[in-house]
Amino acid sequence: MDELQLQIFQWTQLDKQLKKINKQASDIRKKKEELQGNICPLIQENKLEDNIFSIPSLQADVSFKEQKTSESISYKFLEDKFNEYFKSDQEVQQLLQYLKDNRKKEVNYVLRSIDTKQEEI
């Protein structure tokens, strides 16, 4: 039983470390997106789209590129597009139900961390 307790303790330590790192990554990502939102319009206004910005101290180059993204294929998206394509709402609902019922399902077992720290009032 001592080995199980040790492994659970180690798992919990790693889980807490990951939560902290993920929070830091999220904050960094948010700041980076904010800066990008400020920089891209300036590049466009100054017609610098073809430039490569060299940052020797970071051993990096930065370029301005166009990126296209597609809307995710959610059930709402499928329902909207099926309604445009099919004549009857019943056909749409049958097809959506068929897709929902026939998705591959997999059962996994996982550990979940529950923070027991009491908040001070």
N, C-alpha and C. Protein backbone atom coordinates (compact mmCIF):
# COMPACT_ATOMS: atom_id res chain seq x y z
N MET A 1 0.82 -1.20 0.00
CA MET A 1 0.00 0.00 0.00
C MET A 1 0.86 1.26 0.00
N ASP A 2 2.05 1.20 0.60
CA ASP A 2 2.94 2.35 0.63
C ASP A 2 3.32 2.80 -0.79
N GLU A 3 3.53 1.82 -1.68
CA GLU A 3 3.89 2.14 -3.07
C GLU A 3 2.74 2.88 -3.75
N LEU A 4 1.51 2.47 -3.52
CA LEU A 4 0.34 3.13 -4.09
C LEU A 4 0.25 4.57 -3.58
N GLN A 5 0.42 4.77 -2.30
CA GLN A 5 0.36 6.11 -1.72
C GLN A 5 1.45 7.01 -2.32
N LEU A 6 2.65 6.47 -2.46
CA LEU A 6 3.75 7.23 -3.03
C LEU A 6 3.44 7.64 -4.47
N GLN A 7 2.91 6.72 -5.26
CA GLN A 7 2.58 7.02 -6.65
C GLN A 7 1.46 8.06 -6.75
N ILE A 8 0.47 7.94 -5.87
CA ILE A 8 -0.62 8.93 -5.86
C ILE A 8 -0.08 10.30 -5.46
N PHE A 9 0.81 10.33 -4.48
CA PHE A 9 1.44 11.58 -4.05
C PHE A 9 2.21 12.21 -5.21
N GLN A 10 3.01 11.40 -5.91
CA GLN A 10 3.80 11.90 -7.04
C GLN A 10 2.89 12.39 -8.16
N TRP A 11 1.82 11.65 -8.41
CA TRP A 11 0.87 12.04 -9.45
C TRP A 11 0.26 13.39 -9.10
N THR A 12 -0.10 13.58 -7.84
CA THR A 12 -0.71 14.83 -7.39
C THR A 12 0.27 16.00 -7.51
N GLN A 13 1.52 15.77 -7.17
CA GLN A 13 2.54 16.80 -7.32
C GLN A 13 2.66 17.23 -8.79
N LEU A 14 2.72 16.25 -9.67
CA LEU A 14 2.83 16.55 -11.10
C LEU A 14 1.59 17.27 -11.61
N ASP A 15 0.42 16.86 -11.13
CA ASP A 15 -0.83 17.50 -11.54
C ASP A 15 -0.83 18.98 -11.14
N LYS A 16 -0.39 19.26 -9.93
CA LYS A 16 -0.32 20.65 -9.46
C LYS A 16 0.69 21.45 -10.27
N GLN A 17 1.83 20.85 -10.59
CA GLN A 17 2.84 21.53 -11.40
C GLN A 17 2.27 21.87 -12.79
N LEU A 18 1.58 20.89 -13.37
CA LEU A 18 0.99 21.12 -14.70
C LEU A 18 -0.05 22.22 -14.67
N LYS A 19 -0.87 22.26 -13.64
CA LYS A 19 -1.88 23.33 -13.54
C LYS A 19 -1.21 24.69 -13.48
N LYS A 20 -0.13 24.79 -12.71
CA LYS A 20 0.60 26.05 -12.59
C LYS A 20 1.21 26.45 -13.94
N ILE A 21 1.85 25.50 -14.61
CA ILE A 21 2.49 25.76 -15.91
C ILE A 21 1.42 26.12 -16.95
N ASN A 22 0.30 25.42 -16.95
CA ASN A 22 -0.78 25.72 -17.90
C ASN A 22 -1.33 27.11 -17.68
N LYS A 23 -1.44 27.55 -16.44
CA LYS A 23 -1.92 28.90 -16.12
C LYS A 23 -0.92 29.93 -16.67
N GLN A 24 0.39 29.67 -16.44
CA GLN A 24 1.42 30.57 -16.97
C GLN A 24 1.37 30.61 -18.49
N ALA A 25 1.23 29.46 -19.12
CA ALA A 25 1.15 29.39 -20.59
C ALA A 25 -0.06 30.15 -21.10
N SER A 26 -1.17 30.03 -20.41
CA SER A 26 -2.39 30.74 -20.80
C SER A 26 -2.19 32.25 -20.71
N ASP A 27 -1.55 32.70 -19.65
CA ASP A 27 -1.29 34.14 -19.49
C ASP A 27 -0.35 34.64 -20.59
N ILE A 28 0.69 33.87 -20.90
CA ILE A 28 1.64 34.23 -21.95
C ILE A 28 0.93 34.28 -23.30
N ARG A 29 0.10 33.25 -23.58
CA ARG A 29 -0.64 33.19 -24.84
C ARG A 29 -1.54 34.41 -25.01
N LYS A 30 -2.22 34.79 -23.92
CA LYS A 30 -3.13 35.93 -23.95
C LYS A 30 -2.36 37.22 -24.27
N LYS A 31 -1.23 37.42 -23.61
CA LYS A 31 -0.40 38.61 -23.85
C LYS A 31 0.14 38.62 -25.28
N LYS A 32 0.56 37.45 -25.76
CA LYS A 32 1.09 37.34 -27.13
C LYS A 32 0.01 37.70 -28.15
N GLU A 33 -1.21 37.21 -27.94
CA GLU A 33 -2.32 37.51 -28.85
C GLU A 33 -2.66 39.00 -28.82
N GLU A 34 -2.57 39.59 -27.63
CA GLU A 34 -2.83 41.02 -27.50
C GLU A 34 -1.80 41.83 -28.29
N LEU A 35 -0.53 41.47 -28.14
CA LEU A 35 0.53 42.15 -28.89
C LEU A 35 0.36 41.95 -30.39
N GLN A 36 0.02 40.74 -30.80
CA GLN A 36 -0.20 40.46 -32.22
C GLN A 36 -1.33 41.33 -32.76
N GLY A 37 -2.39 41.49 -31.94
CA GLY A 37 -3.51 42.34 -32.35
C GLY A 37 -3.12 43.79 -32.51
N ASN A 38 -2.08 44.22 -31.80
CA ASN A 38 -1.58 45.58 -31.95
C ASN A 38 -0.61 45.71 -33.12
N ILE A 39 0.23 44.69 -33.30
CA ILE A 39 1.30 44.75 -34.30
C ILE A 39 0.78 44.59 -35.73
N CYS A 40 -0.10 43.63 -35.96
CA CYS A 40 -0.56 43.34 -37.34
C CYS A 40 -1.17 44.56 -38.02
N PRO A 41 -2.07 45.31 -37.37
CA PRO A 41 -2.60 46.50 -38.05
C PRO A 41 -1.52 47.53 -38.37
N LEU A 42 -0.52 47.68 -37.50
CA LEU A 42 0.58 48.62 -37.78
C LEU A 42 1.38 48.19 -39.00
N ILE A 43 1.63 46.89 -39.11
CA ILE A 43 2.35 46.37 -40.28
C ILE A 43 1.56 46.65 -41.54
N GLN A 44 0.24 46.43 -41.49
CA GLN A 44 -0.60 46.67 -42.66
C GLN A 44 -0.67 48.16 -43.00
N GLU A 45 -0.85 49.00 -41.98
CA GLU A 45 -0.94 50.45 -42.21
C GLU A 45 0.34 50.99 -42.85
N ASN A 46 1.47 50.44 -42.46
CA ASN A 46 2.75 50.90 -42.98
C ASN A 46 3.23 50.10 -44.19
N LYS A 47 2.37 49.24 -44.69
CA LYS A 47 2.65 48.42 -45.88
C LYS A 47 3.98 47.66 -45.75
N LEU A 48 4.12 46.97 -44.64
CA LEU A 48 5.34 46.21 -44.36
C LEU A 48 5.09 44.70 -44.40
N GLU A 49 4.02 44.29 -45.07
CA GLU A 49 3.62 42.89 -45.09
C GLU A 49 4.71 41.95 -45.62
N ASP A 50 5.54 42.43 -46.55
CA ASP A 50 6.56 41.58 -47.16
C ASP A 50 7.89 41.58 -46.40
N ASN A 51 7.98 42.39 -45.36
CA ASN A 51 9.23 42.48 -44.59
C ASN A 51 9.42 41.28 -43.68
N ILE A 52 10.67 41.00 -43.40
CA ILE A 52 11.02 40.02 -42.37
C ILE A 52 11.73 40.81 -41.29
N PHE A 53 11.20 40.74 -40.09
CA PHE A 53 11.75 41.49 -38.96
C PHE A 53 12.73 40.59 -38.21
N SER A 54 13.99 41.01 -38.23
CA SER A 54 15.04 40.21 -37.63
C SER A 54 15.29 40.67 -36.20
N ILE A 55 15.37 39.72 -35.27
CA ILE A 55 15.65 40.01 -33.88
C ILE A 55 16.87 39.18 -33.49
N PRO A 56 18.07 39.69 -33.76
CA PRO A 56 19.30 38.92 -33.52
C PRO A 56 19.48 38.49 -32.07
N SER A 57 19.09 39.34 -31.12
CA SER A 57 19.29 38.99 -29.71
C SER A 57 18.49 37.76 -29.29
N LEU A 58 17.41 37.49 -30.01
CA LEU A 58 16.60 36.29 -29.73
C LEU A 58 16.82 35.20 -30.78
N GLN A 59 17.75 35.46 -31.72
CA GLN A 59 18.02 34.54 -32.81
C GLN A 59 16.72 34.11 -33.49
N ALA A 60 15.94 35.12 -33.89
CA ALA A 60 14.63 34.85 -34.49
C ALA A 60 14.31 35.87 -35.57
N ASP A 61 13.53 35.44 -36.53
CA ASP A 61 12.95 36.31 -37.54
C ASP A 61 11.45 36.23 -37.41
N VAL A 62 10.78 37.35 -37.66
CA VAL A 62 9.32 37.41 -37.59
C VAL A 62 8.81 37.89 -38.93
N SER A 63 7.86 37.14 -39.47
CA SER A 63 7.26 37.55 -40.75
C SER A 63 5.75 37.65 -40.58
N PHE A 64 5.13 38.40 -41.47
CA PHE A 64 3.69 38.63 -41.48
C PHE A 64 3.08 37.69 -42.51
N LYS A 65 2.18 36.84 -42.09
CA LYS A 65 1.56 35.87 -43.00
C LYS A 65 0.05 35.90 -42.83
N GLU A 66 -0.64 35.57 -43.88
CA GLU A 66 -2.09 35.41 -43.83
C GLU A 66 -2.39 33.98 -43.40
N GLN A 67 -3.31 33.84 -42.47
CA GLN A 67 -3.68 32.51 -41.98
C GLN A 67 -5.19 32.35 -42.11
N LYS A 68 -5.59 31.29 -42.78
CA LYS A 68 -7.02 31.01 -42.94
C LYS A 68 -7.41 29.89 -41.99
N THR A 69 -8.51 30.07 -41.32
CA THR A 69 -9.01 29.02 -40.43
C THR A 69 -10.45 28.71 -40.81
N SER A 70 -10.82 27.47 -40.62
CA SER A 70 -12.18 27.04 -40.92
C SER A 70 -12.97 26.89 -39.64
N GLU A 71 -14.24 27.13 -39.77
CA GLU A 71 -15.17 26.94 -38.65
C GLU A 71 -15.15 25.46 -38.26
N SER A 72 -15.23 25.20 -36.96
CA SER A 72 -15.22 23.80 -36.52
C SER A 72 -16.53 23.11 -36.93
N ILE A 73 -16.45 21.81 -37.09
CA ILE A 73 -17.62 21.04 -37.51
C ILE A 73 -18.32 20.53 -36.24
N SER A 74 -19.22 21.34 -35.74
CA SER A 74 -19.99 21.00 -34.55
C SER A 74 -21.37 20.48 -34.98
N TYR A 75 -22.12 19.98 -34.02
CA TYR A 75 -23.47 19.54 -34.35
C TYR A 75 -24.32 20.72 -34.83
N LYS A 76 -24.11 21.88 -34.25
CA LYS A 76 -24.86 23.07 -34.66
C LYS A 76 -24.52 23.42 -36.11
N PHE A 77 -23.23 23.37 -36.46
CA PHE A 77 -22.80 23.63 -37.84
C PHE A 77 -23.44 22.62 -38.79
N LEU A 78 -23.36 21.33 -38.43
CA LEU A 78 -23.94 20.29 -39.28
C LEU A 78 -25.45 20.49 -39.45
N GLU A 79 -26.11 20.79 -38.36
CA GLU A 79 -27.57 21.00 -38.43
C GLU A 79 -27.90 22.16 -39.37
N ASP A 80 -27.18 23.26 -39.25
CA ASP A 80 -27.42 24.42 -40.13
C ASP A 80 -27.21 24.05 -41.60
N LYS A 81 -26.10 23.38 -41.89
CA LYS A 81 -25.79 23.03 -43.28
C LYS A 81 -26.73 21.97 -43.83
N PHE A 82 -27.10 20.99 -42.99
CA PHE A 82 -28.07 19.97 -43.43
C PHE A 82 -29.43 20.61 -43.71
N ASN A 83 -29.81 21.59 -42.92
CA ASN A 83 -31.08 22.29 -43.15
C ASN A 83 -31.06 23.05 -44.47
N GLU A 84 -29.90 23.55 -44.86
CA GLU A 84 -29.78 24.22 -46.16
C GLU A 84 -29.86 23.21 -47.31
N TYR A 85 -29.34 22.00 -47.07
CA TYR A 85 -29.22 20.99 -48.13
C TYR A 85 -30.48 20.16 -48.30
N PHE A 86 -31.04 19.68 -47.17
CA PHE A 86 -32.20 18.80 -47.24
C PHE A 86 -33.49 19.60 -47.23
N LYS A 87 -34.53 18.97 -47.78
CA LYS A 87 -35.82 19.63 -47.87
C LYS A 87 -36.60 19.56 -46.54
N SER A 88 -36.43 18.46 -45.83
CA SER A 88 -37.27 18.30 -44.64
C SER A 88 -36.44 18.29 -43.36
N ASP A 89 -37.00 18.91 -42.34
CA ASP A 89 -36.36 18.94 -41.02
C ASP A 89 -36.26 17.53 -40.45
N GLN A 90 -37.21 16.67 -40.78
CA GLN A 90 -37.19 15.29 -40.28
C GLN A 90 -35.95 14.55 -40.78
N GLU A 91 -35.62 14.73 -42.05
CA GLU A 91 -34.40 14.11 -42.60
C GLU A 91 -33.15 14.60 -41.87
N VAL A 92 -33.14 15.88 -41.62
CA VAL A 92 -32.00 16.48 -40.92
C VAL A 92 -31.85 15.86 -39.53
N GLN A 93 -32.95 15.79 -38.79
CA GLN A 93 -32.91 15.25 -37.43
C GLN A 93 -32.53 13.77 -37.42
N GLN A 94 -33.02 13.02 -38.40
CA GLN A 94 -32.68 11.61 -38.49
C GLN A 94 -31.18 11.42 -38.75
N LEU A 95 -30.66 12.22 -39.67
CA LEU A 95 -29.24 12.12 -39.98
C LEU A 95 -28.38 12.53 -38.78
N LEU A 96 -28.74 13.61 -38.12
CA LEU A 96 -28.00 14.04 -36.92
C LEU A 96 -28.04 12.97 -35.83
N GLN A 97 -29.20 12.38 -35.64
CA GLN A 97 -29.33 11.34 -34.63
C GLN A 97 -28.49 10.12 -35.01
N TYR A 98 -28.49 9.78 -36.28
CA TYR A 98 -27.68 8.67 -36.75
C TYR A 98 -26.20 8.92 -36.44
N LEU A 99 -25.73 10.14 -36.75
CA LEU A 99 -24.34 10.49 -36.48
C LEU A 99 -24.03 10.42 -34.98
N LYS A 100 -24.92 10.93 -34.16
CA LYS A 100 -24.71 10.90 -32.71
C LYS A 100 -24.68 9.47 -32.18
N ASP A 101 -25.59 8.66 -32.66
CA ASP A 101 -25.70 7.28 -32.18
C ASP A 101 -24.54 6.39 -32.63
N ASN A 102 -23.91 6.75 -33.74
CA ASN A 102 -22.88 5.88 -34.31
C ASN A 102 -21.46 6.42 -34.16
N ARG A 103 -21.30 7.35 -33.28
CA ARG A 103 -19.94 7.82 -32.98
C ARG A 103 -19.22 6.75 -32.18
N LYS A 104 -17.92 6.63 -32.42
CA LYS A 104 -17.11 5.66 -31.69
C LYS A 104 -17.02 6.11 -30.23
N LYS A 105 -17.29 5.18 -29.33
CA LYS A 105 -17.22 5.47 -27.90
C LYS A 105 -16.13 4.62 -27.28
N GLU A 106 -15.40 5.23 -26.37
CA GLU A 106 -14.29 4.56 -25.72
C GLU A 106 -14.35 4.88 -24.23
N VAL A 107 -14.11 3.89 -23.39
CA VAL A 107 -14.12 4.10 -21.94
C VAL A 107 -12.68 4.08 -21.45
N ASN A 108 -12.31 5.12 -20.72
CA ASN A 108 -10.99 5.21 -20.11
C ASN A 108 -11.17 5.51 -18.63
N TYR A 109 -10.19 5.15 -17.85
CA TYR A 109 -10.21 5.45 -16.42
C TYR A 109 -9.11 6.46 -16.14
N VAL A 110 -9.46 7.51 -15.41
CA VAL A 110 -8.52 8.59 -15.14
C VAL A 110 -8.59 9.00 -13.68
N LEU A 111 -7.55 9.66 -13.24
CA LEU A 111 -7.54 10.25 -11.90
C LEU A 111 -7.91 11.71 -12.03
N ARG A 112 -8.65 12.22 -11.06
CA ARG A 112 -9.02 13.63 -11.03
C ARG A 112 -8.53 14.21 -9.71
N SER A 113 -7.93 15.35 -9.79
CA SER A 113 -7.43 16.02 -8.60
C SER A 113 -8.52 16.94 -8.05
N ILE A 114 -8.73 16.88 -6.75
CA ILE A 114 -9.72 17.73 -6.09
C ILE A 114 -8.97 18.57 -5.06
N ASP A 115 -8.99 19.89 -5.24
CA ASP A 115 -8.27 20.77 -4.35
C ASP A 115 -9.04 20.88 -3.03
N THR A 116 -8.41 20.48 -1.95
CA THR A 116 -9.09 20.47 -0.63
C THR A 116 -8.72 21.70 0.20
N LYS A 117 -7.95 22.61 -0.34
CA LYS A 117 -7.54 23.81 0.38
C LYS A 117 -8.78 24.63 0.73
N GLN A 118 -8.91 25.01 2.00
CA GLN A 118 -10.04 25.81 2.46
C GLN A 118 -9.77 27.28 2.16
N GLU A 119 -10.75 27.95 1.57
CA GLU A 119 -10.63 29.37 1.30
C GLU A 119 -10.88 30.14 2.60
N GLU A 120 -10.05 31.15 2.87
CA GLU A 120 -10.26 31.95 4.07
C GLU A 120 -11.31 33.02 3.77
N ILE A 121 -12.18 33.23 4.75
CA ILE A 121 -13.27 34.20 4.56
C ILE A 121 -12.91 35.53 5.20
